Amino acid sequence: MQTESAKFKPFTRQTIRQARQWAWIPHELQEAVQVVSHVLPFRVNEYVLDRLIDWDNIPDDPIYRLVFPHRDMLPAHEYAQLRDLVLADTRDDTAIAQLVHGIRMRMNPHPAGQMTHNVPRVNDAPLKGLQHKYKETVLFFPSAGQTCHAYCTFCFRWPQFVGMDDMKFDARETTQLVSYLRTHPDVTDVLITGGDPMIMNTRSLAEFIEPLLAPELAHIQNIRIGTKSVSYWPQRFVSDRDADDLLRLFERVVASGKNMAIMGHYNHAVELRQDVAQQAVKRIVGTGATLRMQGPLIRHINEDPRSWAELWTTGVRLGAIPYYMFVERDTGPRDYFQLPLARAHEIFRQAYQMVSGLSRTVRGPSMSAFPGKVVIDGVANIGGEKVFALQFLQARNPDWVRRPFYAKFDPNATWMDDLVPAFGKERFFFEEDEPMPRKVIPLAAVRGEAAHGGGACGANDTVVQSNAA
């Protein structure tokens, strides 16, 4: 397989006119990009434009819809208001900023308790750039990794990219992370996320990873990296100047006795049809690292079960592991992307039927909701009542995991909040538990730098429960 050499070149709202493909986009679609990108982040690159989008099929091409904003991502009245301000002969930047802020705040910018319940605290001060929702896993947001090779229009972390600094997670170094992990021997996994950590060069990435290999952190078994680069810029693992250095970093992690897990975000089979994308997978798994494939089910983009089946089957052939199909989260332009849960389950079931047992490691459709990851196991008739069969794959309280529970079937429900208990019950079992106590760690127990105030976490009443990770 031929090695591809290319230079990364991104485009934003300010520079997209420089891309040769801009002239191929009809005026009304160009207008939508210029207007909606004031609210939602927009960034694309030459590889996505040249290799992944079928320009004879826009705007219906799935990757075009994945990266280019559309007018229907905003309610008609909001779009009209914003368009009139943006296209006015005399721009009123203050009025634009006020309208954009109002739109963003009604879009539920931080779903599932990310800022109110997931941020660990020391002496009631939040630790900047960390989240700890589930017992075993800590999320770490390095500041240098808080952008991406291209932005997805559905991204649930869109506030990281649009200048909402009071809602941003980022950490400039690992001192607090390492200190926090020393006091939490029950943590086995660190997920380095963003943004996309693979936007960093290898030297910078190593500065965040290598401290996790220290002997005093022997309880850390798995180092994960969440990344979309495997599909938006696979050259990161193949032909970038420091691609070989990156692979050697993976090898060092594996040689230390830890699992290096690349959590690869894929949204459509076309992303893995490219030779360079397949070469990237082979190079990653060739280091001894694992590559797991995950992504949300999104209306307009990947509703075809055959696309999912092709993606999982191709991944398995190359050595990757199908991991999750998620339900699109309740944030951002959710009305544009969401699907009924019943439809999501049917798409998953059809795709699952098309693949062999090696691809059936995939789990879904799964909602990353406030109490935890809830998977829709099926639709059933029990005692004359049609219900959704559900269970937690992960939960704030570990005792909730793998306990079946049931919700009334609702063909229009799109998220956990839309569901009500079946069989006449007033509450789901996990809603009957007493509130979990906050666990405050004495500052003396954390030997690192004092927690930062302000910023993304400073103004929020966030806690870590004794069983939350």
Protein backbone atom coordinates (compact mmCIF):
# COMPACT_ATOMS: atom_id res chain seq x y z
CA MET A 1 0.00 0.00 0.00
CA GLN A 2 1.45 3.36 -1.03
CA THR A 3 2.33 5.84 1.71
CA GLU A 4 0.60 9.17 1.22
CA SER A 5 2.40 12.45 1.87
CA ALA A 6 0.29 15.57 2.35
CA LYS A 7 0.40 18.86 4.22
CA PHE A 8 -2.47 19.64 6.53
CA LYS A 9 -4.40 22.72 5.41
CA PRO A 10 -7.51 23.79 7.37
CA PHE A 11 -10.29 26.19 6.39
CA THR A 12 -12.62 28.21 8.61
CA ARG A 13 -15.46 30.65 8.00
CA GLN A 14 -12.89 33.35 7.34
CA THR A 15 -10.86 31.30 4.81
CA ILE A 16 -13.24 28.78 3.22
CA ARG A 17 -13.54 30.96 0.11
CA GLN A 18 -9.92 30.02 -0.64
CA ALA A 19 -10.92 26.38 -1.14
CA ARG A 20 -11.56 25.55 -4.79
CA GLN A 21 -14.71 23.64 -3.77
CA TRP A 22 -16.36 26.82 -2.44
CA ALA A 23 -17.28 27.79 -5.99
CA TRP A 24 -19.16 24.50 -6.37
CA ILE A 25 -21.52 25.28 -3.48
CA PRO A 26 -24.82 27.00 -4.39
CA HIS A 27 -25.32 30.50 -3.02
CA GLU A 28 -28.02 29.56 -0.52
CA LEU A 29 -25.76 26.89 0.99
CA GLN A 30 -22.83 29.33 1.12
CA GLU A 31 -25.06 31.76 2.99
CA ALA A 32 -26.00 29.08 5.52
CA VAL A 33 -22.34 28.34 6.20
CA GLN A 34 -21.56 32.01 6.77
CA VAL A 35 -24.57 32.55 9.05
CA VAL A 36 -24.75 29.37 11.14
CA SER A 37 -20.99 29.23 11.69
CA HIS A 38 -21.39 32.29 13.93
CA VAL A 39 -23.15 29.95 16.36
CA LEU A 40 -21.57 26.54 15.76
CA PRO A 41 -17.88 25.86 15.09
CA PHE A 42 -16.82 25.38 11.47
CA ARG A 43 -13.47 23.96 10.39
CA VAL A 44 -12.64 21.61 7.54
CA ASN A 45 -9.46 20.58 5.74
CA GLU A 46 -8.30 19.73 2.24
CA TYR A 47 -8.34 15.96 2.83
CA VAL A 48 -12.00 16.03 3.85
CA LEU A 49 -12.87 18.29 0.92
CA ASP A 50 -10.88 16.32 -1.66
CA ARG A 51 -11.37 12.74 -0.57
CA LEU A 52 -14.47 12.31 1.60
CA ILE A 53 -17.19 14.53 0.07
CA ASP A 54 -19.06 13.60 -3.11
CA TRP A 55 -19.59 17.07 -4.58
CA ASP A 56 -22.14 15.73 -7.07
CA ASN A 57 -24.38 14.88 -4.12
CA ILE A 58 -24.39 18.03 -1.99
CA PRO A 59 -26.08 18.98 0.25
CA ASP A 60 -27.18 15.37 0.82
CA ASP A 61 -23.69 13.89 0.89
CA PRO A 62 -23.22 12.62 4.46
CA ILE A 63 -19.75 14.07 5.01
CA TYR A 64 -20.85 17.44 3.64
CA ARG A 65 -23.64 17.46 6.22
CA LEU A 66 -21.16 16.30 8.82
CA VAL A 67 -18.83 19.29 8.46
CA PHE A 68 -20.76 22.13 6.76
CA PRO A 69 -23.39 24.04 8.79
CA HIS A 70 -26.96 24.13 7.40
CA ARG A 71 -29.71 26.68 7.91
CA ASP A 72 -32.06 24.05 9.38
CA MET A 73 -29.65 23.61 12.30
CA LEU A 74 -31.31 26.75 13.66
CA PRO A 75 -35.06 27.43 14.02
CA ALA A 76 -36.31 29.53 11.10
CA HIS A 77 -36.84 32.66 13.19
CA GLU A 78 -33.35 32.49 14.71
CA TYR A 79 -31.77 31.92 11.33
CA ALA A 80 -33.63 34.90 9.86
CA GLN A 81 -32.63 37.17 12.74
CA LEU A 82 -28.99 36.15 12.55
CA ARG A 83 -28.86 36.31 8.75
CA ASP A 84 -30.21 39.89 8.76
CA LEU A 85 -27.53 40.92 11.25
CA VAL A 86 -24.66 39.07 9.58
CA LEU A 87 -25.49 40.24 6.05
CA ALA A 88 -26.39 43.81 6.98
CA ASP A 89 -24.54 46.54 5.10
CA THR A 90 -23.43 47.94 8.44
CA ARG A 91 -22.61 45.13 10.86
CA ASP A 92 -23.57 45.51 14.50
CA ASP A 93 -21.09 43.12 16.13
CA THR A 94 -22.55 43.72 19.58
CA ALA A 95 -26.04 42.72 18.43
CA ILE A 96 -24.63 39.64 16.67
CA ALA A 97 -22.74 38.59 19.80
CA GLN A 98 -25.83 39.01 21.99
CA LEU A 99 -28.04 36.98 19.66
CA VAL A 100 -25.42 34.27 19.22
CA HIS A 101 -24.94 33.98 22.99
CA GLY A 102 -28.69 33.60 23.53
CA ILE A 103 -28.91 30.88 20.88
CA ARG A 104 -25.95 28.99 22.33
CA MET A 105 -27.28 29.08 25.88
CA ARG A 106 -30.62 27.57 24.88
CA MET A 107 -28.69 24.75 23.12
CA ASN A 108 -27.78 23.05 26.43
CA PRO A 109 -24.02 23.67 26.01
CA HIS A 110 -22.91 21.18 28.69
CA PRO A 111 -25.22 18.14 28.84
CA ALA A 112 -25.26 15.24 31.31
CA GLY A 113 -23.81 17.14 34.25
CA GLN A 114 -20.40 17.72 32.68
CA MET A 115 -19.84 20.94 34.59
CA THR A 116 -22.22 20.47 37.52
CA HIS A 117 -21.37 16.92 38.61
CA ASN A 118 -18.34 15.58 36.74
CA VAL A 119 -15.55 17.94 37.75
CA PRO A 120 -13.43 16.73 40.72
CA ARG A 121 -12.76 19.15 43.57
CA VAL A 122 -10.09 19.55 46.19
CA ASN A 123 -11.10 21.55 49.27
CA ASP A 124 -14.18 22.58 47.29
CA ALA A 125 -12.04 24.02 44.47
CA PRO A 126 -12.44 22.45 41.00
CA LEU A 127 -9.52 20.80 39.25
CA LYS A 128 -9.20 22.47 35.88
CA GLY A 129 -9.24 20.23 32.83
CA LEU A 130 -10.46 17.04 34.55
CA GLN A 131 -13.73 15.12 34.65
CA HIS A 132 -14.44 12.11 36.84
CA LYS A 133 -17.89 10.60 36.32
CA TYR A 134 -17.31 6.84 36.47
CA LYS A 135 -15.27 5.19 39.20
CA GLU A 136 -12.61 3.64 36.94
CA THR A 137 -12.07 6.46 34.45
CA VAL A 138 -10.75 10.03 34.61
CA LEU A 139 -11.03 12.34 31.59
CA PHE A 140 -8.18 14.76 30.94
CA PHE A 141 -8.39 17.77 28.59
CA PRO A 142 -4.92 19.07 27.61
CA SER A 143 -5.17 22.70 26.56
CA ALA A 144 -3.04 22.11 23.44
CA GLY A 145 -5.56 19.54 22.22
CA GLN A 146 -8.70 21.66 22.29
CA THR A 147 -9.24 21.90 18.56
CA CYS A 148 -9.69 19.30 15.79
CA HIS A 149 -8.55 18.64 12.24
CA ALA A 150 -12.17 19.36 11.26
CA TYR A 151 -15.30 20.00 13.32
CA CYS A 152 -18.41 17.83 13.29
CA THR A 153 -21.63 19.83 13.16
CA PHE A 154 -23.23 17.52 15.75
CA CYS A 155 -20.34 17.63 18.25
CA PHE A 156 -21.53 17.63 21.87
CA ARG A 157 -18.34 19.45 22.90
CA TRP A 158 -18.95 22.38 20.58
CA PRO A 159 -18.57 24.95 23.44
CA GLN A 160 -14.87 24.02 23.58
CA PHE A 161 -14.39 25.60 20.14
CA VAL A 162 -16.53 28.75 20.00
CA GLY A 163 -14.95 31.04 22.57
CA MET A 164 -17.20 30.15 25.53
CA ASP A 165 -14.21 30.27 27.87
CA ASP A 166 -16.30 30.01 31.04
CA MET A 167 -17.50 26.61 29.82
CA LYS A 168 -14.22 25.25 28.55
CA PHE A 169 -12.25 22.30 29.92
CA ASP A 170 -8.48 22.58 29.51
CA ALA A 171 -5.31 21.88 31.48
CA ARG A 172 -1.85 23.19 30.61
CA GLU A 173 0.13 20.42 32.33
CA THR A 174 -0.28 17.14 34.20
CA THR A 175 0.72 18.08 37.76
CA GLN A 176 -2.83 18.13 39.10
CA LEU A 177 -3.81 15.05 37.11
CA VAL A 178 -0.91 12.99 38.48
CA SER A 179 -1.52 14.21 42.01
CA TYR A 180 -5.21 13.39 41.77
CA LEU A 181 -4.50 9.92 40.40
CA ARG A 182 -2.09 9.19 43.28
CA THR A 183 -4.99 9.63 45.72
CA HIS A 184 -7.37 7.49 43.64
CA PRO A 185 -5.92 3.98 43.32
CA ASP A 186 -9.32 2.71 42.10
CA VAL A 187 -8.85 4.64 38.84
CA THR A 188 -7.59 2.31 36.12
CA ASP A 189 -8.20 4.37 32.98
CA VAL A 190 -7.21 7.86 31.86
CA LEU A 191 -8.94 9.17 28.75
CA ILE A 192 -7.08 12.04 27.08
CA THR A 193 -9.69 13.93 25.12
CA GLY A 194 -10.68 17.30 23.72
CA GLY A 195 -11.09 18.55 21.11
CA ASP A 196 -8.64 16.10 19.63
CA PRO A 197 -5.32 15.35 21.37
CA MET A 198 -3.94 14.19 18.01
CA ILE A 199 -3.87 17.80 16.86
CA MET A 200 -0.76 18.11 19.06
CA ASN A 201 2.69 17.19 17.84
CA THR A 202 4.20 14.04 19.31
CA ARG A 203 6.56 15.89 21.64
CA SER A 204 3.69 17.77 23.26
CA LEU A 205 1.53 14.66 23.48
CA ALA A 206 4.36 12.73 25.13
CA GLU A 207 4.60 15.40 27.83
CA PHE A 208 1.07 14.49 28.90
CA ILE A 209 1.39 10.73 28.50
CA GLU A 210 4.82 9.91 29.90
CA PRO A 211 4.05 11.08 33.48
CA LEU A 212 1.30 8.43 33.52
CA LEU A 213 3.95 5.72 33.12
CA ALA A 214 5.54 6.52 36.50
CA PRO A 215 5.83 3.57 38.97
CA GLU A 216 3.58 5.29 41.54
CA LEU A 217 0.74 5.16 38.96
CA ALA A 218 0.95 1.42 38.42
CA HIS A 219 -2.81 1.23 39.03
CA ILE A 220 -3.37 3.05 35.71
CA GLN A 221 -3.81 0.15 33.31
CA ASN A 222 -5.25 1.85 30.25
CA ILE A 223 -4.33 5.14 28.59
CA ARG A 224 -6.98 6.14 26.08
CA ILE A 225 -6.92 8.87 23.45
CA GLY A 226 -10.19 10.04 21.93
CA THR A 227 -9.62 11.13 18.34
CA LYS A 228 -11.34 11.83 15.04
CA SER A 229 -7.99 12.11 13.25
CA VAL A 230 -8.29 8.48 12.10
CA SER A 231 -10.95 9.65 9.65
CA TYR A 232 -10.41 13.42 9.23
CA TRP A 233 -6.59 13.32 9.01
CA PRO A 234 -5.25 9.73 8.95
CA GLN A 235 -1.95 11.12 7.71
CA ARG A 236 -1.27 11.86 11.39
CA PHE A 237 -0.30 8.18 11.72
CA VAL A 238 1.18 7.70 8.26
CA SER A 239 3.01 10.62 6.69
CA ASP A 240 3.11 13.56 9.12
CA ARG A 241 6.65 14.62 9.91
CA ASP A 242 6.49 13.03 13.37
CA ALA A 243 4.16 10.12 12.54
CA ASP A 244 6.90 7.57 13.23
CA ASP A 245 7.67 9.30 16.54
CA LEU A 246 3.98 9.01 17.43
CA LEU A 247 3.96 5.29 16.79
CA ARG A 248 7.12 4.89 18.89
CA LEU A 249 5.31 6.71 21.72
CA PHE A 250 2.51 4.13 21.50
CA GLU A 251 5.12 1.39 21.62
CA ARG A 252 6.66 2.87 24.78
CA VAL A 253 3.28 2.84 26.50
CA VAL A 254 2.72 -0.79 25.51
CA ALA A 255 6.25 -1.74 26.61
CA SER A 256 5.54 -0.21 30.02
CA GLY A 257 2.84 -2.83 30.54
CA LYS A 258 -0.12 -0.54 29.94
CA ASN A 259 -2.75 -0.69 27.21
CA MET A 260 -2.60 2.16 24.70
CA ALA A 261 -6.19 2.49 23.46
CA ILE A 262 -7.04 4.76 20.53
CA MET A 263 -10.76 5.58 20.68
CA GLY A 264 -11.35 6.27 17.00
CA HIS A 265 -14.40 8.31 16.03
CA TYR A 266 -15.97 7.19 12.76
CA ASN A 267 -19.30 8.43 11.43
CA HIS A 268 -19.61 6.81 8.02
CA ALA A 269 -18.12 3.94 6.05
CA VAL A 270 -16.63 6.33 3.48
CA GLU A 271 -14.15 7.49 6.11
CA LEU A 272 -12.54 4.05 6.16
CA ARG A 273 -12.64 3.39 2.41
CA GLN A 274 -9.57 5.55 1.80
CA ASP A 275 -6.23 3.75 1.45
CA VAL A 276 -4.51 6.16 3.83
CA ALA A 277 -7.22 5.64 6.45
CA GLN A 278 -6.78 1.88 6.27
CA GLN A 279 -3.01 2.27 6.44
CA ALA A 280 -3.43 4.39 9.57
CA VAL A 281 -5.39 1.60 11.27
CA LYS A 282 -2.75 -0.99 10.42
CA ARG A 283 0.07 1.22 11.68
CA ILE A 284 -1.72 1.90 14.97
CA VAL A 285 -2.47 -1.72 15.77
CA GLY A 286 1.03 -2.67 14.59
CA THR A 287 2.44 -0.86 17.63
CA GLY A 288 0.54 -3.12 20.01
CA ALA A 289 -2.03 -0.41 20.70
CA THR A 290 -5.73 -1.13 20.33
CA LEU A 291 -8.08 0.87 18.12
CA ARG A 292 -11.74 0.96 19.09
CA MET A 293 -14.38 2.36 16.72
CA GLN A 294 -17.22 4.49 18.01
CA GLY A 295 -19.60 7.18 16.86
CA PRO A 296 -23.14 8.49 17.18
CA LEU A 297 -26.11 7.60 15.01
CA ILE A 298 -27.09 10.84 13.30
CA ARG A 299 -30.05 11.75 11.13
CA HIS A 300 -29.03 12.92 7.62
CA ILE A 301 -25.60 11.23 7.94
CA ASN A 302 -25.53 7.53 8.89
CA GLU A 303 -29.07 6.15 9.06
CA ASP A 304 -28.22 3.35 6.61
CA PRO A 305 -27.51 0.09 8.51
CA ARG A 306 -25.33 -1.06 5.62
CA SER A 307 -22.91 1.81 6.23
CA TRP A 308 -22.47 0.75 9.85
CA ALA A 309 -22.04 -2.89 8.87
CA GLU A 310 -19.41 -1.96 6.28
CA LEU A 311 -17.60 0.24 8.79
CA TRP A 312 -17.45 -2.45 11.48
CA THR A 313 -16.54 -5.23 9.05
CA THR A 314 -13.75 -3.21 7.44
CA GLY A 315 -12.44 -2.19 10.84
CA VAL A 316 -12.31 -5.78 12.08
CA ARG A 317 -10.48 -6.89 8.93
CA LEU A 318 -7.84 -4.23 9.61
CA GLY A 319 -7.53 -5.11 13.31
CA ALA A 320 -9.84 -2.53 14.92
CA ILE A 321 -12.57 -3.30 17.46
CA PRO A 322 -16.18 -2.06 17.01
CA TYR A 323 -17.06 -0.45 20.34
CA TYR A 324 -20.09 1.89 20.52
CA MET A 325 -22.98 3.24 18.50
CA PHE A 326 -24.17 6.27 20.48
CA VAL A 327 -27.45 8.12 20.45
CA GLU A 328 -26.96 11.76 19.45
CA ARG A 329 -26.75 13.85 22.62
CA ASP A 330 -29.25 16.45 23.78
CA THR A 331 -27.14 19.49 22.91
CA GLY A 332 -26.36 21.79 19.99
CA PRO A 333 -28.63 21.47 16.92
CA ARG A 334 -30.22 18.31 18.33
CA ASP A 335 -33.54 18.82 16.50
CA TYR A 336 -31.67 18.56 13.21
CA PHE A 337 -29.76 15.39 14.06
CA GLN A 338 -31.83 13.38 16.53
CA LEU A 339 -33.69 10.18 15.71
CA PRO A 340 -36.41 8.43 17.71
CA LEU A 341 -34.94 5.81 20.02
CA ALA A 342 -37.14 3.17 18.43
CA ARG A 343 -35.65 3.98 15.02
CA ALA A 344 -32.13 4.02 16.47
CA HIS A 345 -32.62 0.56 17.91
CA GLU A 346 -33.95 -0.76 14.62
CA ILE A 347 -30.97 0.63 12.67
CA PHE A 348 -28.55 -0.92 15.17
CA ARG A 349 -30.37 -4.26 15.06
CA GLN A 350 -30.33 -4.37 11.26
CA ALA A 351 -26.62 -3.50 11.10
CA TYR A 352 -25.84 -6.05 13.81
CA GLN A 353 -27.57 -8.77 11.78
CA MET A 354 -25.28 -8.08 8.82
CA VAL A 355 -21.96 -8.75 10.55
CA SER A 356 -20.13 -11.73 11.98
CA GLY A 357 -19.47 -12.37 15.65
CA LEU A 358 -16.12 -10.57 15.45
CA SER A 359 -17.95 -7.29 14.82
CA ARG A 360 -20.54 -7.91 17.51
CA THR A 361 -18.31 -6.43 20.16
CA VAL A 362 -20.17 -3.20 19.34
CA ARG A 363 -22.72 -1.95 21.86
CA GLY A 364 -25.66 0.31 21.27
CA PRO A 365 -27.60 2.32 20.76
CA SER A 366 -26.26 3.92 23.94
CA MET A 367 -27.23 7.22 25.56
CA SER A 368 -24.53 9.01 27.56
CA ALA A 369 -27.11 10.54 29.90
CA PHE A 370 -26.76 12.16 33.33
CA PRO A 371 -26.95 8.91 35.37
CA GLY A 372 -24.70 6.95 33.00
CA LYS A 373 -24.48 5.09 29.70
CA VAL A 374 -27.91 3.59 29.04
CA VAL A 375 -28.23 1.03 26.26
CA ILE A 376 -31.48 0.15 24.53
CA ASP A 377 -31.54 -3.63 24.62
CA GLY A 378 -34.78 -4.01 22.73
CA VAL A 379 -38.51 -3.42 22.38
CA ALA A 380 -40.74 -6.02 24.02
CA ASN A 381 -44.30 -6.76 25.08
CA ILE A 382 -44.41 -7.69 28.77
CA GLY A 383 -47.70 -8.28 30.57
CA GLY A 384 -49.59 -6.66 27.73
CA GLU A 385 -47.47 -3.48 27.80
CA LYS A 386 -45.07 -2.46 25.05
CA VAL A 387 -41.77 -1.33 26.60
CA PHE A 388 -38.19 -0.37 25.97
CA ALA A 389 -35.80 -2.81 27.70
CA LEU A 390 -32.86 -0.81 29.06
CA GLN A 391 -29.76 -1.20 31.21
CA PHE A 392 -26.69 0.74 32.31
CA LEU A 393 -23.36 -0.12 30.72
CA GLN A 394 -21.74 2.47 32.99
CA ALA A 395 -23.26 4.49 35.81
CA ARG A 396 -22.48 7.08 38.45
CA ASN A 397 -23.38 4.37 40.95
CA PRO A 398 -21.69 1.07 40.02
CA ASP A 399 -24.56 -0.85 41.64
CA TRP A 400 -26.82 0.30 38.81
CA VAL A 401 -24.75 -1.39 36.09
CA ARG A 402 -26.41 -4.28 34.23
CA ARG A 403 -29.66 -4.00 36.19
CA PRO A 404 -32.47 -4.31 33.61
CA PHE A 405 -35.23 -1.71 33.76
CA TYR A 406 -38.14 -0.79 31.53
CA ALA A 407 -39.70 2.34 30.08
CA LYS A 408 -43.02 2.76 28.36
CA PHE A 409 -42.62 2.50 24.62
CA ASP A 410 -42.79 5.93 23.02
CA PRO A 411 -42.27 6.04 19.25
CA ASN A 412 -41.35 9.73 19.45
CA ALA A 413 -38.89 9.61 22.37
CA THR A 414 -35.39 10.72 21.37
CA TRP A 415 -33.57 10.87 24.72
CA MET A 416 -33.60 9.53 28.26
CA ASP A 417 -35.55 12.53 29.53
CA ASP A 418 -38.45 11.61 27.24
CA LEU A 419 -38.91 8.19 28.84
CA VAL A 420 -41.23 7.30 31.72
CA PRO A 421 -41.20 4.09 33.77
CA ALA A 422 -43.29 1.14 32.62
CA PHE A 423 -45.80 -0.90 34.62
CA GLY A 424 -47.30 2.05 36.46
CA LYS A 425 -44.17 2.97 38.41
CA GLU A 426 -43.60 6.61 39.24
CA ARG A 427 -39.79 6.57 39.06
CA PHE A 428 -36.98 4.49 37.65
CA PHE A 429 -35.03 2.53 40.25
CA PHE A 430 -32.00 4.82 40.06
CA GLU A 431 -34.18 7.85 40.79
CA GLU A 432 -35.20 6.30 44.11
CA ASP A 433 -31.66 6.26 45.51
CA GLU A 434 -30.62 8.83 48.08
CA PRO A 435 -28.41 11.63 46.71
CA MET A 436 -24.81 10.50 46.70
CA PRO A 437 -22.56 12.26 49.25
CA ARG A 438 -19.82 14.53 48.06
CA LYS A 439 -16.30 13.36 48.69
CA VAL A 440 -13.98 16.22 49.62
CA ILE A 441 -10.25 15.47 49.51
CA PRO A 442 -8.00 17.29 51.99
CA LEU A 443 -5.67 19.60 50.13
CA ALA A 444 -2.68 18.08 51.93
CA ALA A 445 -3.46 14.76 50.29
CA VAL A 446 -2.86 16.24 46.86
CA ARG A 447 0.82 17.09 46.52
CA GLY A 448 0.53 18.95 43.24
CA GLU A 449 -0.07 22.56 42.36
CA ALA A 450 -3.08 24.23 43.98
CA ALA A 451 -6.30 24.04 42.00
CA HIS A 452 -6.97 26.87 39.58
CA GLY A 453 -9.94 29.08 40.27
CA GLY A 454 -12.23 30.54 37.66
CA GLY A 455 -12.08 29.43 34.05
CA ALA A 456 -14.19 26.58 32.80
CA CYS A 457 -14.82 25.02 36.18
CA GLY A 458 -14.38 27.81 38.70
CA ALA A 459 -17.93 29.10 38.77
CA ASN A 460 -19.70 25.78 39.10
CA ASP A 461 -20.84 23.78 42.11
CA THR A 462 -19.22 20.56 40.90
CA VAL A 463 -18.52 17.45 42.93
CA VAL A 464 -17.01 14.01 42.81
CA GLN A 465 -19.09 11.40 44.58
CA SER A 466 -17.45 8.53 46.38
CA ASN A 467 -18.47 6.21 43.58
CA ALA A 468 -18.23 8.60 40.64
CA ALA A 469 -15.51 8.33 38.06
